[in-house]
Amino acid sequence: MNPSFSKLPISFSIDKLQKELAKCETDLWTPHFNTNRYEGNWTSVSLRSQSGLVNDITSFANKAYINTDLLDRCPYFKKIMDWFQCEKEAVRLLRLGPQSEIKEHVDNDTSYEDGFFRIHIPIITNAEVFFYVDKKQVPMQMGECWYANFQLPHSIENKSAEPRIHLTLDCIRNGWSDTLFTEMGFDIQYSNEKAQYSDEVKQQIIAELSRNPSEVNAKIIADLLAE
């Protein structure tokens, strides 16, 4: 099985990230739509969204996305986007407020094996922010660039007195990213079809699929229950 998370061999200027963030502080930060997933304050603003609006913070796979006006004012964020030589879907700034928590959950079809990878770049964080994937703490530092398999259970606790803010990019796997992930030690031939989920992970996946009833999701649930 491939790593549940991994640091990419690239980092970005903390000073430039934070200066660019300051340009976004006057824009509308929208509360996250999954209100049952968190306690406290979890908000976002979009640099790339389905509608092109900064307050459209939804992130659904296989949809068309366009840049927002805010991205035009943020050339360094655009430079970071362009470093990833692949198609991008949602690109957002995610702010988890002081003394706030994102509860453990899973996000479907968000692993590299699914043809998708979500990148986190911390802009503001500290030692009292705890980011867990698959029960393991991810030691993210400001300016670093991280991939994580968010199809696994993950959660975040901000126990500090300041917000934690990340730049996140939803990317589509291609030949360029296969080369990058191979260099990071991934087996790009590995398939999630080989994965054997624990009962806990299986129940979380079923719960997420049940929130969006469809014929496809019903079949996946049936297959999981039959294992």
C-alpha atoms as a PDB file:
ATOM      1  CA  MET A   1       0.000   0.000   0.000  1.00  0.00           C
ATOM      2  CA  ASN A   2       1.231   3.508  -0.786  1.00  0.00           C
ATOM      3  CA  PRO A   3       1.982   6.036   1.982  1.00  0.00           C
ATOM      4  CA  SER A   4      -1.035   7.665   3.585  1.00  0.00           C
ATOM      5  CA  PHE A   5       0.757  11.015   3.305  1.00  0.00           C
ATOM      6  CA  SER A   6       3.989  12.356   1.863  1.00  0.00           C
ATOM      7  CA  LYS A   7       5.928  15.633   1.639  1.00  0.00           C
ATOM      8  CA  LEU A   8       6.625  16.795  -1.898  1.00  0.00           C
ATOM      9  CA  PRO A   9      10.181  17.770  -2.914  1.00  0.00           C
ATOM     10  CA  ILE A  10       9.233  21.460  -3.206  1.00  0.00           C
ATOM     11  CA  SER A  11       8.659  24.286  -0.729  1.00  0.00           C
ATOM     12  CA  PHE A  12       7.446  27.851  -1.122  1.00  0.00           C
ATOM     13  CA  SER A  13       8.309  31.256   0.368  1.00  0.00           C
ATOM     14  CA  ILE A  14       6.526  31.760   3.691  1.00  0.00           C
ATOM     15  CA  ASP A  15       6.885  35.535   3.339  1.00  0.00           C
ATOM     16  CA  LYS A  16       5.320  35.569  -0.131  1.00  0.00           C
ATOM     17  CA  LEU A  17       2.554  33.187   0.932  1.00  0.00           C
ATOM     18  CA  GLN A  18       1.613  35.373   3.894  1.00  0.00           C
ATOM     19  CA  LYS A  19       1.784  38.618   1.884  1.00  0.00           C
ATOM     20  CA  GLU A  20      -0.532  37.101  -0.699  1.00  0.00           C
ATOM     21  CA  LEU A  21      -2.849  35.872   2.048  1.00  0.00           C
ATOM     22  CA  ALA A  22      -3.159  39.469   3.286  1.00  0.00           C
ATOM     23  CA  LYS A  23      -4.718  40.390  -0.074  1.00  0.00           C
ATOM     24  CA  CYS A  24      -7.470  37.856   0.598  1.00  0.00           C
ATOM     25  CA  GLU A  25      -8.411  39.006   4.091  1.00  0.00           C
ATOM     26  CA  THR A  26     -10.966  41.512   2.773  1.00  0.00           C
ATOM     27  CA  ASP A  27     -12.789  38.896   0.694  1.00  0.00           C
ATOM     28  CA  LEU A  28     -15.712  36.828   1.875  1.00  0.00           C
ATOM     29  CA  TRP A  29     -14.702  33.791   3.921  1.00  0.00           C
ATOM     30  CA  THR A  30     -17.536  31.288   3.760  1.00  0.00           C
ATOM     31  CA  PRO A  31     -18.327  28.724   6.503  1.00  0.00           C
ATOM     32  CA  HIS A  32     -17.712  25.172   5.342  1.00  0.00           C
ATOM     33  CA  PHE A  33     -20.908  23.482   4.133  1.00  0.00           C
ATOM     34  CA  ASN A  34     -20.351  20.224   6.077  1.00  0.00           C
ATOM     35  CA  THR A  35     -21.455  21.670   9.425  1.00  0.00           C
ATOM     36  CA  ASN A  36     -21.697  18.243  11.062  1.00  0.00           C
ATOM     37  CA  ARG A  37     -17.988  17.658  10.465  1.00  0.00           C
ATOM     38  CA  TYR A  38     -16.531  20.381  12.648  1.00  0.00           C
ATOM     39  CA  GLU A  39     -16.790  22.361  15.849  1.00  0.00           C
ATOM     40  CA  GLY A  40     -15.785  26.001  16.065  1.00  0.00           C
ATOM     41  CA  ASN A  41     -14.897  28.037  12.987  1.00  0.00           C
ATOM     42  CA  TRP A  42     -13.956  26.483   9.617  1.00  0.00           C
ATOM     43  CA  THR A  43     -14.120  28.845   6.633  1.00  0.00           C
ATOM     44  CA  SER A  44     -12.830  29.048   3.095  1.00  0.00           C
ATOM     45  CA  VAL A  45     -12.337  31.354   0.125  1.00  0.00           C
ATOM     46  CA  SER A  46     -11.891  30.155  -3.457  1.00  0.00           C
ATOM     47  CA  LEU A  47      -9.150  30.965  -5.939  1.00  0.00           C
ATOM     48  CA  ARG A  48     -10.663  28.504  -8.391  1.00  0.00           C
ATOM     49  CA  SER A  49     -14.292  27.345  -8.248  1.00  0.00           C
ATOM     50  CA  GLN A  50     -17.082  25.895 -10.375  1.00  0.00           C
ATOM     51  CA  SER A  51     -18.863  29.237 -10.706  1.00  0.00           C
ATOM     52  CA  GLY A  52     -15.818  31.505 -10.644  1.00  0.00           C
ATOM     53  CA  LEU A  53     -17.055  33.107  -7.397  1.00  0.00           C
ATOM     54  CA  VAL A  54     -14.817  33.400  -4.330  1.00  0.00           C
ATOM     55  CA  ASN A  55     -17.622  32.279  -2.009  1.00  0.00           C
ATOM     56  CA  ASP A  56     -18.315  29.090  -4.002  1.00  0.00           C
ATOM     57  CA  ILE A  57     -16.276  26.650  -1.901  1.00  0.00           C
ATOM     58  CA  THR A  58     -17.793  23.336  -2.995  1.00  0.00           C
ATOM     59  CA  SER A  59     -15.398  20.679  -4.221  1.00  0.00           C
ATOM     60  CA  PHE A  60     -16.821  17.883  -6.361  1.00  0.00           C
ATOM     61  CA  ALA A  61     -14.805  15.622  -8.616  1.00  0.00           C
ATOM     62  CA  ASN A  62     -15.130  15.636 -12.409  1.00  0.00           C
ATOM     63  CA  LYS A  63     -16.667  19.112 -12.606  1.00  0.00           C
ATOM     64  CA  ALA A  64     -15.498  22.120 -14.606  1.00  0.00           C
ATOM     65  CA  TYR A  65     -13.631  24.773 -12.579  1.00  0.00           C
ATOM     66  CA  ILE A  66     -12.532  28.308 -13.481  1.00  0.00           C
ATOM     67  CA  ASN A  67     -10.281  30.883 -11.830  1.00  0.00           C
ATOM     68  CA  THR A  68     -11.875  33.512  -9.589  1.00  0.00           C
ATOM     69  CA  ASP A  69     -11.150  37.250  -9.715  1.00  0.00           C
ATOM     70  CA  LEU A  70      -9.242  36.874  -6.472  1.00  0.00           C
ATOM     71  CA  LEU A  71      -6.617  34.720  -8.170  1.00  0.00           C
ATOM     72  CA  ASP A  72      -5.863  37.604 -10.564  1.00  0.00           C
ATOM     73  CA  ARG A  73      -4.692  39.618  -7.543  1.00  0.00           C
ATOM     74  CA  CYS A  74      -2.497  36.780  -6.248  1.00  0.00           C
ATOM     75  CA  PRO A  75       0.374  36.128  -8.704  1.00  0.00           C
ATOM     76  CA  TYR A  76       2.341  34.003  -6.239  1.00  0.00           C
ATOM     77  CA  PHE A  77      -0.596  31.652  -5.667  1.00  0.00           C
ATOM     78  CA  LYS A  78      -0.939  31.470  -9.478  1.00  0.00           C
ATOM     79  CA  LYS A  79       2.776  30.625  -9.758  1.00  0.00           C
ATOM     80  CA  ILE A  80       2.297  27.788  -7.262  1.00  0.00           C
ATOM     81  CA  MET A  81      -0.685  26.483  -9.249  1.00  0.00           C
ATOM     82  CA  ASP A  82       1.367  26.539 -12.429  1.00  0.00           C
ATOM     83  CA  TRP A  83       4.136  24.497 -10.799  1.00  0.00           C
ATOM     84  CA  PHE A  84       1.721  21.559 -10.884  1.00  0.00           C
ATOM     85  CA  GLN A  85       1.713  20.580 -14.546  1.00  0.00           C
ATOM     86  CA  CYS A  86      -1.700  18.969 -14.486  1.00  0.00           C
ATOM     87  CA  GLU A  87      -5.366  19.904 -14.544  1.00  0.00           C
ATOM     88  CA  LYS A  88      -6.621  21.636 -11.404  1.00  0.00           C
ATOM     89  CA  GLU A  89     -10.131  21.551  -9.970  1.00  0.00           C
ATOM     90  CA  ALA A  90     -10.900  23.492  -6.742  1.00  0.00           C
ATOM     91  CA  VAL A  91      -8.161  25.739  -5.344  1.00  0.00           C
ATOM     92  CA  ARG A  92      -8.987  27.228  -1.955  1.00  0.00           C
ATOM     93  CA  LEU A  93      -7.691  28.848   1.193  1.00  0.00           C
ATOM     94  CA  LEU A  94      -8.945  26.888   4.230  1.00  0.00           C
ATOM     95  CA  ARG A  95      -8.986  28.555   7.636  1.00  0.00           C
ATOM     96  CA  LEU A  96      -9.530  26.581  10.843  1.00  0.00           C
ATOM     97  CA  GLY A  97     -10.157  29.033  13.673  1.00  0.00           C
ATOM     98  CA  PRO A  98      -8.552  29.008  17.121  1.00  0.00           C
ATOM     99  CA  GLN A  99      -9.796  26.246  19.425  1.00  0.00           C
ATOM    100  CA  SER A 100     -11.616  24.600  16.511  1.00  0.00           C
ATOM    101  CA  GLU A 101     -11.741  20.991  15.342  1.00  0.00           C
ATOM    102  CA  ILE A 102     -12.504  19.104  12.141  1.00  0.00           C
ATOM    103  CA  LYS A 103     -13.883  15.746  13.220  1.00  0.00           C
ATOM    104  CA  GLU A 104     -12.550  12.495  11.849  1.00  0.00           C
ATOM    105  CA  HIS A 105     -14.125  11.657   8.491  1.00  0.00           C
ATOM    106  CA  VAL A 106     -13.282  10.305   5.040  1.00  0.00           C
ATOM    107  CA  ASP A 107     -13.580  11.973   1.620  1.00  0.00           C
ATOM    108  CA  ASN A 108     -14.483   9.625  -1.210  1.00  0.00           C
ATOM    109  CA  ASP A 109     -12.311   9.262  -4.334  1.00  0.00           C
ATOM    110  CA  THR A 110      -9.555  11.499  -2.972  1.00  0.00           C
ATOM    111  CA  SER A 111      -6.534   9.255  -3.214  1.00  0.00           C
ATOM    112  CA  TYR A 112      -3.822   9.224  -5.855  1.00  0.00           C
ATOM    113  CA  GLU A 113      -4.962   5.733  -6.821  1.00  0.00           C
ATOM    114  CA  ASP A 114      -8.369   7.234  -7.697  1.00  0.00           C
ATOM    115  CA  GLY A 115      -6.733   9.613 -10.201  1.00  0.00           C
ATOM    116  CA  PHE A 116      -6.946  12.623  -7.877  1.00  0.00           C
ATOM    117  CA  PHE A 117      -4.586  14.253  -5.419  1.00  0.00           C
ATOM    118  CA  ARG A 118      -5.175  17.059  -2.919  1.00  0.00           C
ATOM    119  CA  ILE A 119      -2.215  19.209  -1.949  1.00  0.00           C
ATOM    120  CA  HIS A 120      -1.893  21.174   1.310  1.00  0.00           C
ATOM    121  CA  ILE A 121       0.507  24.097   1.695  1.00  0.00           C
ATOM    122  CA  PRO A 122       0.466  25.579   5.230  1.00  0.00           C
ATOM    123  CA  ILE A 123       0.576  29.383   5.237  1.00  0.00           C
ATOM    124  CA  ILE A 124      -0.067  29.909   8.951  1.00  0.00           C
ATOM    125  CA  THR A 125       0.297  27.080  11.455  1.00  0.00           C
ATOM    126  CA  ASN A 126       2.058  26.243  14.703  1.00  0.00           C
ATOM    127  CA  ALA A 127       2.986  23.395  17.041  1.00  0.00           C
ATOM    128  CA  GLU A 128      -0.503  23.367  18.597  1.00  0.00           C
ATOM    129  CA  VAL A 129      -2.180  22.366  15.345  1.00  0.00           C
ATOM    130  CA  PHE A 130      -2.580  18.593  15.041  1.00  0.00           C
ATOM    131  CA  PHE A 131      -3.331  17.098  11.610  1.00  0.00           C
ATOM    132  CA  TYR A 132      -4.010  13.344  11.555  1.00  0.00           C
ATOM    133  CA  VAL A 133      -4.364  10.966   8.608  1.00  0.00           C
ATOM    134  CA  ASP A 134      -4.978   7.267   9.252  1.00  0.00           C
ATOM    135  CA  LYS A 135      -4.363   7.899  12.989  1.00  0.00           C
ATOM    136  CA  LYS A 136      -0.869   9.257  12.253  1.00  0.00           C
ATOM    137  CA  GLN A 137       0.155  12.884  12.811  1.00  0.00           C
ATOM    138  CA  VAL A 138       1.276  14.734   9.674  1.00  0.00           C
ATOM    139  CA  PRO A 139       4.127  17.127  10.636  1.00  0.00           C
ATOM    140  CA  MET A 140       3.224  19.970   8.264  1.00  0.00           C
ATOM    141  CA  GLN A 141       5.317  23.145   8.509  1.00  0.00           C
ATOM    142  CA  MET A 142       4.710  26.531   6.888  1.00  0.00           C
ATOM    143  CA  GLY A 143       5.789  26.717   3.261  1.00  0.00           C
ATOM    144  CA  GLU A 144       5.957  22.944   2.845  1.00  0.00           C
ATOM    145  CA  CYS A 145       3.908  21.017   0.306  1.00  0.00           C
ATOM    146  CA  TRP A 146       2.074  17.831   1.307  1.00  0.00           C
ATOM    147  CA  TYR A 147      -0.086  15.146  -0.274  1.00  0.00           C
ATOM    148  CA  ALA A 148      -2.408  13.005   1.827  1.00  0.00           C
ATOM    149  CA  ASN A 149      -4.827  10.210   1.016  1.00  0.00           C
ATOM    150  CA  PHE A 150      -8.044  11.754   2.299  1.00  0.00           C
ATOM    151  CA  GLN A 151      -9.977   8.590   1.548  1.00  0.00           C
ATOM    152  CA  LEU A 152      -8.482   7.433   4.836  1.00  0.00           C
ATOM    153  CA  PRO A 153      -9.873   8.734   8.160  1.00  0.00           C
ATOM    154  CA  HIS A 154      -8.476  12.198   8.914  1.00  0.00           C
ATOM    155  CA  SER A 155      -9.034  14.973  11.442  1.00  0.00           C
ATOM    156  CA  ILE A 156      -7.541  18.297  12.552  1.00  0.00           C
ATOM    157  CA  GLU A 157      -7.388  20.045  15.920  1.00  0.00           C
ATOM    158  CA  ASN A 158      -6.326  23.661  16.307  1.00  0.00           C
ATOM    159  CA  LYS A 159      -5.595  24.055  20.008  1.00  0.00           C
ATOM    160  CA  SER A 160      -3.816  27.384  19.531  1.00  0.00           C
ATOM    161  CA  ALA A 161      -4.956  30.997  19.843  1.00  0.00           C
ATOM    162  CA  GLU A 162      -4.462  31.780  16.142  1.00  0.00           C
ATOM    163  CA  PRO A 163      -6.076  30.484  12.952  1.00  0.00           C
ATOM    164  CA  ARG A 164      -4.517  27.733  10.874  1.00  0.00           C
ATOM    165  CA  ILE A 165      -4.615  28.613   7.163  1.00  0.00           C
ATOM    166  CA  HIS A 166      -3.670  26.306   4.282  1.00  0.00           C
ATOM    167  CA  LEU A 167      -3.632  26.745   0.524  1.00  0.00           C
ATOM    168  CA  THR A 168      -5.164  23.593  -0.990  1.00  0.00           C
ATOM    169  CA  LEU A 169      -5.128  22.421  -4.595  1.00  0.00           C
ATOM    170  CA  ASP A 170      -7.249  19.622  -6.021  1.00  0.00           C
ATOM    171  CA  CYS A 171      -5.270  18.106  -8.885  1.00  0.00           C
ATOM    172  CA  ILE A 172      -5.924  15.492 -11.553  1.00  0.00           C
ATOM    173  CA  ARG A 173      -3.374  12.717 -11.974  1.00  0.00           C
ATOM    174  CA  ASN A 174      -1.442  12.579 -15.246  1.00  0.00           C
ATOM    175  CA  GLY A 175       1.947  11.496 -16.629  1.00  0.00           C
ATOM    176  CA  TRP A 176       3.737  14.441 -15.037  1.00  0.00           C
ATOM    177  CA  SER A 177       2.333  13.621 -11.589  1.00  0.00           C
ATOM    178  CA  ASP A 178       3.078   9.900 -12.055  1.00  0.00           C
ATOM    179  CA  THR A 179       6.754  10.798 -12.526  1.00  0.00           C
ATOM    180  CA  LEU A 180       6.665  13.031  -9.433  1.00  0.00           C
ATOM    181  CA  PHE A 181       4.960  10.437  -7.240  1.00  0.00           C
ATOM    182  CA  THR A 182       7.254   7.674  -8.460  1.00  0.00           C
ATOM    183  CA  GLU A 183      10.216   9.795  -7.342  1.00  0.00           C
ATOM    184  CA  MET A 184       8.452  10.132  -3.965  1.00  0.00           C
ATOM    185  CA  GLY A 185       8.410   6.336  -3.610  1.00  0.00           C
ATOM    186  CA  PHE A 186       4.851   5.584  -4.734  1.00  0.00           C
ATOM    187  CA  ASP A 187       3.880   2.470  -6.668  1.00  0.00           C
ATOM    188  CA  ILE A 188       1.814   4.082  -9.406  1.00  0.00           C
ATOM    189  CA  GLN A 189       0.570   0.647 -10.504  1.00  0.00           C
ATOM    190  CA  TYR A 190      -1.060   0.120  -7.123  1.00  0.00           C
ATOM    191  CA  SER A 191      -4.843   0.048  -7.223  1.00  0.00           C
ATOM    192  CA  ASN A 192      -7.361   0.736  -4.467  1.00  0.00           C
ATOM    193  CA  GLU A 193      -9.115  -2.405  -5.665  1.00  0.00           C
ATOM    194  CA  LYS A 194      -6.395  -4.315  -3.822  1.00  0.00           C
ATOM    195  CA  ALA A 195      -6.982  -2.445  -0.599  1.00  0.00           C
ATOM    196  CA  GLN A 196      -8.532  -4.204   2.363  1.00  0.00           C
ATOM    197  CA  TYR A 197     -10.250  -1.655   4.585  1.00  0.00           C
ATOM    198  CA  SER A 198     -10.625  -2.069   8.313  1.00  0.00           C
ATOM    199  CA  ASP A 199     -14.213  -2.310   9.603  1.00  0.00           C
ATOM    200  CA  GLU A 200     -13.926   1.246  10.968  1.00  0.00           C
ATOM    201  CA  VAL A 201     -12.792   2.724   7.643  1.00  0.00           C
ATOM    202  CA  LYS A 202     -15.383   0.653   5.786  1.00  0.00           C
ATOM    203  CA  GLN A 203     -18.211   2.051   7.946  1.00  0.00           C
ATOM    204  CA  GLN A 204     -16.986   5.613   7.446  1.00  0.00           C
ATOM    205  CA  ILE A 205     -16.874   5.138   3.660  1.00  0.00           C
ATOM    206  CA  ILE A 206     -20.389   3.665   3.711  1.00  0.00           C
ATOM    207  CA  ALA A 207     -21.639   6.619   5.791  1.00  0.00           C
ATOM    208  CA  GLU A 208     -20.179   9.109   3.298  1.00  0.00           C
ATOM    209  CA  LEU A 209     -21.619   7.249   0.303  1.00  0.00           C
ATOM    210  CA  SER A 210     -25.026   7.126   1.989  1.00  0.00           C
ATOM    211  CA  ARG A 211     -25.125  10.938   2.128  1.00  0.00           C
ATOM    212  CA  ASN A 212     -25.266  11.012  -1.705  1.00  0.00           C
ATOM    213  CA  PRO A 213     -27.637   8.207  -2.807  1.00  0.00           C
ATOM    214  CA  SER A 214     -27.071   6.937  -6.342  1.00  0.00           C
ATOM    215  CA  GLU A 215     -27.020   3.643  -8.217  1.00  0.00           C
ATOM    216  CA  VAL A 216     -23.218   3.683  -8.329  1.00  0.00           C
ATOM    217  CA  ASN A 217     -22.878   4.436  -4.604  1.00  0.00           C
ATOM    218  CA  ALA A 218     -25.425   1.733  -3.761  1.00  0.00           C
ATOM    219  CA  LYS A 219     -23.310  -0.810  -5.651  1.00  0.00           C
ATOM    220  CA  ILE A 220     -20.131   0.295  -3.854  1.00  0.00           C
ATOM    221  CA  ILE A 221     -21.915  -0.014  -0.489  1.00  0.00           C
ATOM    222  CA  ALA A 222     -23.146  -3.486  -1.405  1.00  0.00           C
ATOM    223  CA  ASP A 223     -19.642  -4.551  -2.431  1.00  0.00           C
ATOM    224  CA  LEU A 224     -18.181  -3.227   0.827  1.00  0.00           C
ATOM    225  CA  LEU A 225     -20.814  -5.037   2.896  1.00  0.00           C
ATOM    226  CA  ALA A 226     -20.133  -8.267   0.979  1.00  0.00           C
ATOM    227  CA  GLU A 227     -16.390  -8.253   1.748  1.00  0.00           C
END
